[in-house]
Amino acid sequence: MLTINTILKEIKDVPVGRLEELYQFVHSMTPRAKQSEKLRKKILSFGGAFGDMSNNDYSDFLDQTRNARSKLFDRNIEI
């Protein structure tokens, strides 16, 4: 059975020029729970941001947002 000490002994033989690649590989295998939790909290901080708006105001906001998106992204551009 592999142990952390066995793995560390092998790592010491990795050429210096490949350490960045090794680091990226190891990092890709680690759980991203901390990053995900941080992002989740950031996203949830916006929850209820429109809660104090009336239904009419919120509806107007959505209409204006749709219109702005249409004007920005639904246009023909010559390249």
N, C-alpha and C. Protein backbone atom coordinates (compact mmCIF):
# COMPACT_ATOMS: atom_id res chain seq x y z
N MET A 1 0.85 -1.19 0.00
CA MET A 1 0.00 0.00 0.00
C MET A 1 0.88 1.24 0.00
N LEU A 2 0.52 2.19 -0.84
CA LEU A 2 1.27 3.44 -0.91
C LEU A 2 1.04 4.29 0.33
N THR A 3 2.09 4.94 0.76
CA THR A 3 1.96 5.90 1.85
C THR A 3 2.46 7.24 1.35
N ILE A 4 2.19 8.27 2.11
CA ILE A 4 2.63 9.61 1.72
C ILE A 4 4.15 9.66 1.67
N ASN A 5 4.82 8.94 2.56
CA ASN A 5 6.29 8.93 2.56
C ASN A 5 6.84 8.30 1.29
N THR A 6 6.20 7.25 0.80
CA THR A 6 6.63 6.61 -0.44
C THR A 6 6.50 7.58 -1.60
N ILE A 7 5.42 8.28 -1.63
CA ILE A 7 5.18 9.25 -2.71
C ILE A 7 6.18 10.39 -2.62
N LEU A 8 6.44 10.90 -1.43
CA LEU A 8 7.41 11.99 -1.26
C LEU A 8 8.81 11.56 -1.69
N LYS A 9 9.18 10.32 -1.43
CA LYS A 9 10.49 9.82 -1.86
C LYS A 9 10.60 9.83 -3.38
N GLU A 10 9.52 9.51 -4.07
CA GLU A 10 9.52 9.53 -5.53
C GLU A 10 9.56 10.96 -6.06
N ILE A 11 8.87 11.86 -5.39
CA ILE A 11 8.81 13.24 -5.84
C ILE A 11 10.18 13.90 -5.80
N LYS A 12 11.02 13.51 -4.86
CA LYS A 12 12.34 14.14 -4.77
C LYS A 12 13.19 13.89 -6.01
N ASP A 13 12.83 12.89 -6.80
CA ASP A 13 13.58 12.57 -8.01
C ASP A 13 13.03 13.27 -9.26
N VAL A 14 11.97 14.03 -9.12
CA VAL A 14 11.39 14.74 -10.26
C VAL A 14 12.32 15.88 -10.65
N PRO A 15 12.65 16.00 -11.94
CA PRO A 15 13.53 17.09 -12.38
C PRO A 15 12.93 18.46 -12.07
N VAL A 16 13.77 19.40 -11.72
CA VAL A 16 13.33 20.74 -11.34
C VAL A 16 12.46 21.38 -12.42
N GLY A 17 12.81 21.13 -13.66
CA GLY A 17 12.05 21.71 -14.77
C GLY A 17 10.63 21.18 -14.91
N ARG A 18 10.33 20.11 -14.22
CA ARG A 18 8.99 19.52 -14.32
C ARG A 18 8.16 19.71 -13.05
N LEU A 19 8.71 20.43 -12.07
CA LEU A 19 8.00 20.61 -10.80
C LEU A 19 6.69 21.38 -10.97
N GLU A 20 6.69 22.39 -11.83
CA GLU A 20 5.45 23.15 -12.07
C GLU A 20 4.36 22.24 -12.62
N GLU A 21 4.74 21.40 -13.57
CA GLU A 21 3.79 20.45 -14.15
C GLU A 21 3.26 19.49 -13.08
N LEU A 22 4.15 19.02 -12.22
CA LEU A 22 3.75 18.12 -11.13
C LEU A 22 2.80 18.83 -10.17
N TYR A 23 3.14 20.07 -9.85
CA TYR A 23 2.28 20.84 -8.95
C TYR A 23 0.88 21.00 -9.54
N GLN A 24 0.80 21.35 -10.81
CA GLN A 24 -0.50 21.52 -11.47
C GLN A 24 -1.29 20.21 -11.46
N PHE A 25 -0.60 19.10 -11.69
CA PHE A 25 -1.27 17.80 -11.68
C PHE A 25 -1.81 17.47 -10.29
N VAL A 26 -0.98 17.65 -9.28
CA VAL A 26 -1.43 17.37 -7.91
C VAL A 26 -2.58 18.29 -7.53
N HIS A 27 -2.46 19.55 -7.89
CA HIS A 27 -3.50 20.52 -7.58
C HIS A 27 -4.82 20.16 -8.26
N SER A 28 -4.75 19.61 -9.46
CA SER A 28 -5.97 19.23 -10.18
C SER A 28 -6.69 18.07 -9.51
N MET A 29 -5.99 17.33 -8.70
CA MET A 29 -6.58 16.16 -8.04
C MET A 29 -7.13 16.47 -6.65
N THR A 30 -6.82 17.63 -6.11
CA THR A 30 -7.28 17.97 -4.76
C THR A 30 -8.71 18.48 -4.81
N PRO A 31 -9.46 18.22 -3.75
CA PRO A 31 -10.86 18.69 -3.75
C PRO A 31 -10.92 20.21 -3.75
N ARG A 32 -11.89 20.69 -4.44
CA ARG A 32 -12.07 22.14 -4.54
C ARG A 32 -13.16 22.61 -3.59
N ALA A 33 -13.34 21.90 -2.50
CA ALA A 33 -14.42 22.23 -1.57
C ALA A 33 -14.28 23.64 -1.02
N LYS A 34 -13.07 24.04 -0.66
CA LYS A 34 -12.90 25.37 -0.10
C LYS A 34 -13.22 26.44 -1.14
N GLN A 35 -12.74 26.25 -2.36
CA GLN A 35 -13.03 27.21 -3.42
C GLN A 35 -14.52 27.24 -3.71
N SER A 36 -15.13 26.08 -3.78
CA SER A 36 -16.56 26.00 -4.07
C SER A 36 -17.37 26.65 -2.96
N GLU A 37 -16.98 26.44 -1.71
CA GLU A 37 -17.71 27.02 -0.59
C GLU A 37 -17.59 28.54 -0.61
N LYS A 38 -16.41 29.04 -0.92
CA LYS A 38 -16.20 30.49 -1.00
C LYS A 38 -17.08 31.09 -2.09
N LEU A 39 -17.10 30.46 -3.25
CA LEU A 39 -17.91 30.93 -4.36
C LEU A 39 -19.40 30.85 -4.02
N ARG A 40 -19.80 29.76 -3.38
CA ARG A 40 -21.20 29.58 -2.99
C ARG A 40 -21.64 30.71 -2.06
N LYS A 41 -20.81 31.04 -1.07
CA LYS A 41 -21.15 32.12 -0.14
C LYS A 41 -21.24 33.46 -0.86
N LYS A 42 -20.34 33.67 -1.82
CA LYS A 42 -20.36 34.92 -2.57
C LYS A 42 -21.66 35.04 -3.37
N ILE A 43 -22.05 33.95 -4.02
CA ILE A 43 -23.28 33.96 -4.82
C ILE A 43 -24.50 34.15 -3.93
N LEU A 44 -24.53 33.44 -2.80
CA LEU A 44 -25.68 33.54 -1.91
C LEU A 44 -25.81 34.91 -1.26
N SER A 45 -24.72 35.66 -1.22
CA SER A 45 -24.80 37.00 -0.62
C SER A 45 -25.74 37.91 -1.42
N PHE A 46 -26.00 37.56 -2.69
CA PHE A 46 -26.91 38.35 -3.52
C PHE A 46 -28.37 37.91 -3.34
N GLY A 47 -28.59 36.84 -2.63
CA GLY A 47 -29.95 36.34 -2.43
C GLY A 47 -30.83 37.39 -1.79
N GLY A 48 -32.01 37.58 -2.32
CA GLY A 48 -32.95 38.55 -1.78
C GLY A 48 -32.63 39.99 -2.15
N ALA A 49 -31.68 40.18 -3.05
CA ALA A 49 -31.27 41.54 -3.41
C ALA A 49 -32.43 42.35 -3.99
N PHE A 50 -33.39 41.68 -4.61
CA PHE A 50 -34.52 42.38 -5.21
C PHE A 50 -35.78 42.21 -4.36
N GLY A 51 -35.63 41.71 -3.17
CA GLY A 51 -36.77 41.42 -2.31
C GLY A 51 -37.59 42.63 -1.91
N ASP A 52 -36.96 43.80 -1.88
CA ASP A 52 -37.70 44.99 -1.46
C ASP A 52 -38.36 45.73 -2.63
N MET A 53 -38.25 45.16 -3.84
CA MET A 53 -38.88 45.79 -5.01
C MET A 53 -40.33 45.30 -5.13
N SER A 54 -41.19 46.19 -5.62
CA SER A 54 -42.57 45.78 -5.89
C SER A 54 -42.56 44.88 -7.13
N ASN A 55 -43.63 44.16 -7.32
CA ASN A 55 -43.73 43.29 -8.49
C ASN A 55 -43.65 44.08 -9.79
N ASN A 56 -44.28 45.25 -9.81
CA ASN A 56 -44.23 46.10 -11.01
C ASN A 56 -42.82 46.58 -11.29
N ASP A 57 -42.11 47.03 -10.25
CA ASP A 57 -40.74 47.50 -10.43
C ASP A 57 -39.84 46.36 -10.90
N TYR A 58 -40.02 45.18 -10.32
CA TYR A 58 -39.20 44.03 -10.71
C TYR A 58 -39.49 43.64 -12.16
N SER A 59 -40.75 43.68 -12.54
CA SER A 59 -41.13 43.37 -13.92
C SER A 59 -40.52 44.38 -14.88
N ASP A 60 -40.55 45.67 -14.51
CA ASP A 60 -39.92 46.70 -15.34
C ASP A 60 -38.41 46.47 -15.44
N PHE A 61 -37.80 46.10 -14.33
CA PHE A 61 -36.36 45.81 -14.33
C PHE A 61 -36.05 44.67 -15.30
N LEU A 62 -36.82 43.60 -15.26
CA LEU A 62 -36.60 42.47 -16.16
C LEU A 62 -36.78 42.89 -17.62
N ASP A 63 -37.80 43.69 -17.89
CA ASP A 63 -38.03 44.16 -19.27
C ASP A 63 -36.85 45.01 -19.76
N GLN A 64 -36.39 45.91 -18.93
CA GLN A 64 -35.25 46.76 -19.30
C GLN A 64 -33.99 45.92 -19.53
N THR A 65 -33.80 44.91 -18.69
CA THR A 65 -32.63 44.03 -18.84
C THR A 65 -32.70 43.26 -20.15
N ARG A 66 -33.87 42.72 -20.46
CA ARG A 66 -34.04 41.99 -21.72
C ARG A 66 -33.79 42.91 -22.92
N ASN A 67 -34.32 44.11 -22.86
CA ASN A 67 -34.13 45.07 -23.95
C ASN A 67 -32.65 45.44 -24.13
N ALA A 68 -31.98 45.69 -23.02
CA ALA A 68 -30.56 46.04 -23.09
C ALA A 68 -29.75 44.89 -23.67
N ARG A 69 -30.05 43.68 -23.25
CA ARG A 69 -29.33 42.51 -23.78
C ARG A 69 -29.58 42.35 -25.27
N SER A 70 -30.83 42.56 -25.68
CA SER A 70 -31.15 42.45 -27.11
C SER A 70 -30.37 43.46 -27.92
N LYS A 71 -30.32 44.68 -27.44
CA LYS A 71 -29.60 45.73 -28.17
C LYS A 71 -28.10 45.44 -28.22
N LEU A 72 -27.57 44.88 -27.16
CA LEU A 72 -26.13 44.62 -27.11
C LEU A 72 -25.72 43.38 -27.90
N PHE A 73 -26.49 42.33 -27.79
CA PHE A 73 -26.04 41.04 -28.30
C PHE A 73 -26.77 40.53 -29.54
N ASP A 74 -27.89 41.15 -29.88
CA ASP A 74 -28.63 40.70 -31.06
C ASP A 74 -28.47 41.68 -32.21
N ARG A 75 -27.27 42.08 -32.46
CA ARG A 75 -27.03 43.01 -33.57
C ARG A 75 -26.05 42.39 -34.56
N ASN A 76 -26.18 42.80 -35.80
CA ASN A 76 -25.28 42.32 -36.84
C ASN A 76 -24.01 43.15 -36.84
N ILE A 77 -22.90 42.49 -36.84
CA ILE A 77 -21.62 43.18 -36.85
C ILE A 77 -20.83 42.68 -38.05
N GLU A 78 -20.34 43.62 -38.86
CA GLU A 78 -19.51 43.24 -40.01
C GLU A 78 -18.07 43.15 -39.57
N ILE A 79 -17.46 42.07 -39.96
CA ILE A 79 -16.05 41.87 -39.59
C ILE A 79 -15.18 41.99 -40.82
